[in-house]
Amino acid sequence: MHRFVKTTIAEPPRVLGETRLIRRPHPSPPPLPASPKPNLLPFDLHSRMVCVGGMILRLAHLCLHTDHLDRLIAFYRDTLGLPVKFRFAAADGSVFGAYIALGDTTFVEFFDQRGANFQWGDPTADLAPLVSGSRYNHFALEVADLAATRATLLTRGVQIGEIRGGLDNSLQSWLSDPDGNRIELMQYTPQSAQLARGTDGLVKSSR
C-alpha cells in the first residue's frame, strides 16, 4: 500500500539571460513625519537660531554714510529692485536714513552723514566731504542673547559698551576689532522695525 505525502514546491525564480531574478516582498516605507504647523508670527526667535559661529547668528546689516541719500535709495530700490524696509526721520520729518532689505533679517543701512551726526554726534562739528572708499561706517552682527554674548566677550578681555535700545527698537552693544573697525552687536526684539510686517515704514526720532 502506497502512502502519498503532500508537498509544496516553491515557485522557481525567473531567469533573464544569466541573471536570476528572485522576487522578494518590499518592506513598507516608514511613515512620513507630520508637517509642522506654519508659524504665522512675524517674530520667532527659535526658528531663526541657526548659529554660524556659536554666539553669532548672521550679518544683521552694513552701514554706509552718504551725502546723496535720495540717489542711493533710488539706486538700490529702483535699479537693483530691493525694497525699502523703513526710513529714519528726524523730529521735523526730514528723512536722514534708510534700511534696504537684502533677505531674511539682513539689511544695508544708509545714513546722510550730516543727519546722522545731528542725531548721535556733535552737530557743530565740521564734517569732511565723503569720497569714494570712505563711506563705510560699521557692520552689525545679529546675536540671540546680547546680554550673554556681552558677558562672554568681557571674560575674553574685549572692551564692549553697555547694552542700550536703538531708535529701531532693537538692542545693541558696540565694540571694535584690532584694526579699529566698529562692530555693532544687535539683538532683535518683537518690536524691532526690521521684523515688522510690510515695507516702506518710518522710524521717527524725537530730535
Protein backbone atom coordinates (compact mmCIF):
# COMPACT_ATOMS: atom_id res chain seq x y z
CA MET A 1 0.00 0.00 0.00
CA HIS A 2 1.47 3.29 -1.08
CA ARG A 3 1.33 6.35 1.11
CA PHE A 4 1.16 9.78 -0.53
CA VAL A 5 2.73 12.75 1.18
CA LYS A 6 1.52 16.22 0.20
CA THR A 7 4.43 18.57 -0.53
CA THR A 8 4.67 22.24 -1.61
CA ILE A 9 7.07 23.12 -4.37
CA ALA A 10 8.38 26.69 -4.28
CA GLU A 11 7.97 28.70 -7.44
CA PRO A 12 11.33 28.72 -9.24
CA PRO A 13 12.97 32.06 -9.74
CA ARG A 14 12.58 33.72 -13.10
CA VAL A 15 15.64 33.69 -15.33
CA LEU A 16 16.64 36.55 -17.59
CA GLY A 17 19.73 35.63 -19.55
CA GLU A 18 22.31 34.59 -16.97
CA THR A 19 20.80 36.75 -14.21
CA ARG A 20 18.49 35.07 -11.71
CA LEU A 21 15.80 37.49 -10.52
CA ILE A 22 14.18 36.44 -7.26
CA ARG A 23 11.09 38.33 -6.26
CA ARG A 24 11.01 39.38 -2.62
CA PRO A 25 8.34 41.41 -0.88
CA HIS A 26 9.21 45.12 -0.49
CA PRO A 27 9.21 46.44 3.07
CA SER A 28 6.60 49.06 3.86
CA PRO A 29 8.02 52.61 3.71
CA PRO A 30 8.31 54.40 7.05
CA PRO A 31 5.51 56.84 7.78
CA LEU A 32 6.18 60.44 6.79
CA PRO A 33 6.66 62.86 9.69
CA ALA A 34 3.80 65.17 10.37
CA SER A 35 4.15 68.55 8.71
CA PRO A 36 4.93 71.28 11.26
CA LYS A 37 2.32 73.92 11.76
CA PRO A 38 3.24 77.13 9.97
CA ASN A 39 4.36 79.99 12.16
CA LEU A 40 2.17 82.98 11.48
CA LEU A 41 4.01 85.37 13.77
CA PRO A 42 6.46 87.88 12.30
CA PHE A 43 8.93 87.22 15.12
CA ASP A 44 10.01 83.70 16.08
CA LEU A 45 13.47 83.69 17.64
CA HIS A 46 13.79 79.92 18.00
CA SER A 47 13.12 79.18 14.32
CA ARG A 48 15.86 81.66 13.38
CA MET A 49 18.59 80.50 15.78
CA VAL A 50 20.91 78.83 13.25
CA CYS A 51 24.27 79.94 14.59
CA VAL A 52 27.22 80.24 12.25
CA GLY A 53 29.81 80.96 14.92
CA GLY A 54 28.44 79.96 18.30
CA MET A 55 27.25 83.33 19.61
CA ILE A 56 26.78 84.98 16.21
CA LEU A 57 23.70 84.24 14.10
CA ARG A 58 24.34 86.20 10.92
CA LEU A 59 25.24 89.57 9.44
CA ALA A 60 22.50 91.97 10.52
CA HIS A 61 23.45 94.98 8.43
CA LEU A 62 26.23 97.01 6.85
CA CYS A 63 26.11 100.77 7.43
CA LEU A 64 27.30 103.30 4.85
CA HIS A 65 27.24 107.09 5.05
CA THR A 66 26.39 109.29 2.09
CA ASP A 67 25.96 112.90 1.01
CA HIS A 68 23.28 111.86 -1.52
CA LEU A 69 20.72 109.75 0.35
CA ASP A 70 17.91 110.03 -2.22
CA ARG A 71 20.20 108.99 -5.05
CA LEU A 72 21.44 105.99 -3.11
CA ILE A 73 17.95 104.85 -2.13
CA ALA A 74 16.79 105.17 -5.73
CA PHE A 75 19.68 103.01 -6.98
CA TYR A 76 19.10 100.16 -4.56
CA ARG A 77 15.30 100.34 -4.82
CA ASP A 78 14.72 101.09 -8.49
CA THR A 79 17.85 99.74 -10.19
CA LEU A 80 18.59 96.69 -8.03
CA GLY A 81 14.94 96.08 -7.13
CA LEU A 82 15.46 95.86 -3.36
CA PRO A 83 12.63 97.01 -1.06
CA VAL A 84 12.99 99.84 1.41
CA LYS A 85 12.13 98.30 4.77
CA PHE A 86 11.86 101.63 6.58
CA ARG A 87 13.29 105.14 6.72
CA PHE A 88 14.65 107.16 9.63
CA ALA A 89 13.15 110.62 10.10
CA ALA A 90 14.08 113.50 12.41
CA ALA A 91 11.54 115.24 14.60
CA ASP A 92 10.89 117.78 11.84
CA GLY A 93 10.05 114.96 9.42
CA SER A 94 13.21 115.17 7.34
CA VAL A 95 14.50 111.71 6.31
CA PHE A 96 18.12 111.06 7.25
CA GLY A 97 18.45 107.28 6.80
CA ALA A 98 17.02 104.15 5.23
CA TYR A 99 17.08 100.38 5.68
CA ILE A 100 17.23 98.30 2.48
CA ALA A 101 16.15 94.65 2.80
CA LEU A 102 18.53 92.00 1.46
CA GLY A 103 16.58 88.92 2.53
CA ASP A 104 15.64 87.28 5.84
CA THR A 105 16.91 89.69 8.54
CA THR A 106 19.95 91.09 6.72
CA PHE A 107 19.97 94.70 5.52
CA VAL A 108 22.15 97.51 4.23
CA GLU A 109 21.72 100.77 6.14
CA PHE A 110 22.33 104.23 4.69
CA PHE A 111 22.60 107.50 6.60
CA ASP A 112 23.03 111.03 5.42
CA GLN A 113 26.23 111.83 7.29
CA ARG A 114 25.03 115.25 8.48
CA GLY A 115 21.69 113.86 9.65
CA ALA A 116 23.39 111.01 11.50
CA ASN A 117 25.86 113.40 13.09
CA PHE A 118 22.98 115.58 14.28
CA GLN A 119 21.28 112.58 15.88
CA TRP A 120 24.25 110.86 17.52
CA GLY A 121 27.33 113.06 17.15
CA ASP A 122 28.33 116.68 17.52
CA PRO A 123 26.06 118.85 15.35
CA THR A 124 28.61 121.68 15.48
CA ALA A 125 31.49 119.57 14.18
CA ASP A 126 32.90 120.15 10.70
CA LEU A 127 32.41 117.04 8.58
CA ALA A 128 34.92 116.10 5.91
CA PRO A 129 33.41 115.56 2.46
CA LEU A 130 32.87 111.90 1.67
CA VAL A 131 34.96 110.47 -1.14
CA SER A 132 34.94 107.08 -2.80
CA GLY A 133 36.09 104.43 -0.33
CA SER A 134 35.45 106.49 2.81
CA ARG A 135 31.73 105.81 3.20
CA TYR A 136 31.95 102.68 5.35
CA ASN A 137 30.76 103.31 8.92
CA HIS A 138 30.22 99.95 10.66
CA PHE A 139 28.73 96.49 10.34
CA ALA A 140 26.32 94.76 12.70
CA LEU A 141 26.18 91.13 13.77
CA GLU A 142 22.93 89.60 14.97
CA VAL A 143 23.05 87.61 18.22
CA ALA A 144 20.37 85.59 20.01
CA ASP A 145 21.18 86.75 23.55
CA LEU A 146 23.03 90.04 23.71
CA ALA A 147 23.49 90.04 27.48
CA ALA A 148 25.05 86.57 27.45
CA THR A 149 27.23 87.40 24.44
CA ARG A 150 28.48 90.58 26.06
CA ALA A 151 29.26 88.75 29.31
CA THR A 152 31.27 86.15 27.39
CA LEU A 153 33.25 88.77 25.49
CA LEU A 154 34.05 90.62 28.73
CA THR A 155 35.59 87.42 30.12
CA ARG A 156 37.76 87.32 26.97
CA GLY A 157 39.11 90.79 27.61
CA VAL A 158 37.05 92.59 24.95
CA GLN A 159 36.17 96.22 25.59
CA ILE A 160 32.47 96.39 24.81
CA GLY A 161 29.87 99.04 25.54
CA GLU A 162 26.74 98.79 27.63
CA ILE A 163 23.53 97.41 26.15
CA ARG A 164 21.08 100.06 25.05
CA GLY A 165 17.99 100.31 22.92
CA GLY A 166 18.22 101.72 19.42
CA LEU A 167 15.93 104.03 17.51
CA ASP A 168 14.67 100.93 15.67
CA ASN A 169 13.68 99.21 18.99
CA SER A 170 16.49 96.66 18.73
CA LEU A 171 19.12 96.09 21.43
CA GLN A 172 22.71 96.99 20.66
CA SER A 173 26.20 96.98 22.13
CA TRP A 174 29.37 98.25 20.45
CA LEU A 175 32.98 97.10 20.19
CA SER A 176 35.91 97.44 17.77
CA ASP A 177 38.18 94.90 16.13
CA PRO A 178 42.00 95.20 16.46
CA ASP A 179 42.12 97.46 13.37
CA GLY A 180 39.58 99.83 14.86
CA ASN A 181 36.63 98.78 12.67
CA ARG A 182 33.42 99.39 14.59
CA ILE A 183 31.13 96.40 15.19
CA GLU A 184 27.58 96.60 16.45
CA LEU A 185 26.16 93.53 18.17
CA MET A 186 22.41 93.54 17.69
CA GLN A 187 19.55 91.55 19.20
CA TYR A 188 16.16 91.92 17.56
CA THR A 189 13.10 92.26 19.77
CA PRO A 190 9.41 91.70 18.97
CA GLN A 191 9.17 95.48 18.49
CA SER A 192 12.15 95.77 16.11
CA ALA A 193 11.36 97.76 12.98
CA GLN A 194 13.36 95.21 10.99
CA LEU A 195 10.82 92.49 11.82
CA ALA A 196 7.63 94.49 11.29
CA ARG A 197 5.26 93.38 8.56
CA GLY A 198 5.35 95.25 5.29
CA THR A 199 7.84 97.66 3.77
CA ASP A 200 8.43 101.40 3.45
CA GLY A 201 7.86 102.08 7.15
CA LEU A 202 9.00 105.16 9.07
CA VAL A 203 11.04 105.28 12.30
CA LYS A 204 10.86 108.78 13.77
CA SER A 205 13.36 110.32 16.17
CA SER A 206 12.47 112.78 18.93
CA ARG A 207 15.30 115.07 17.81
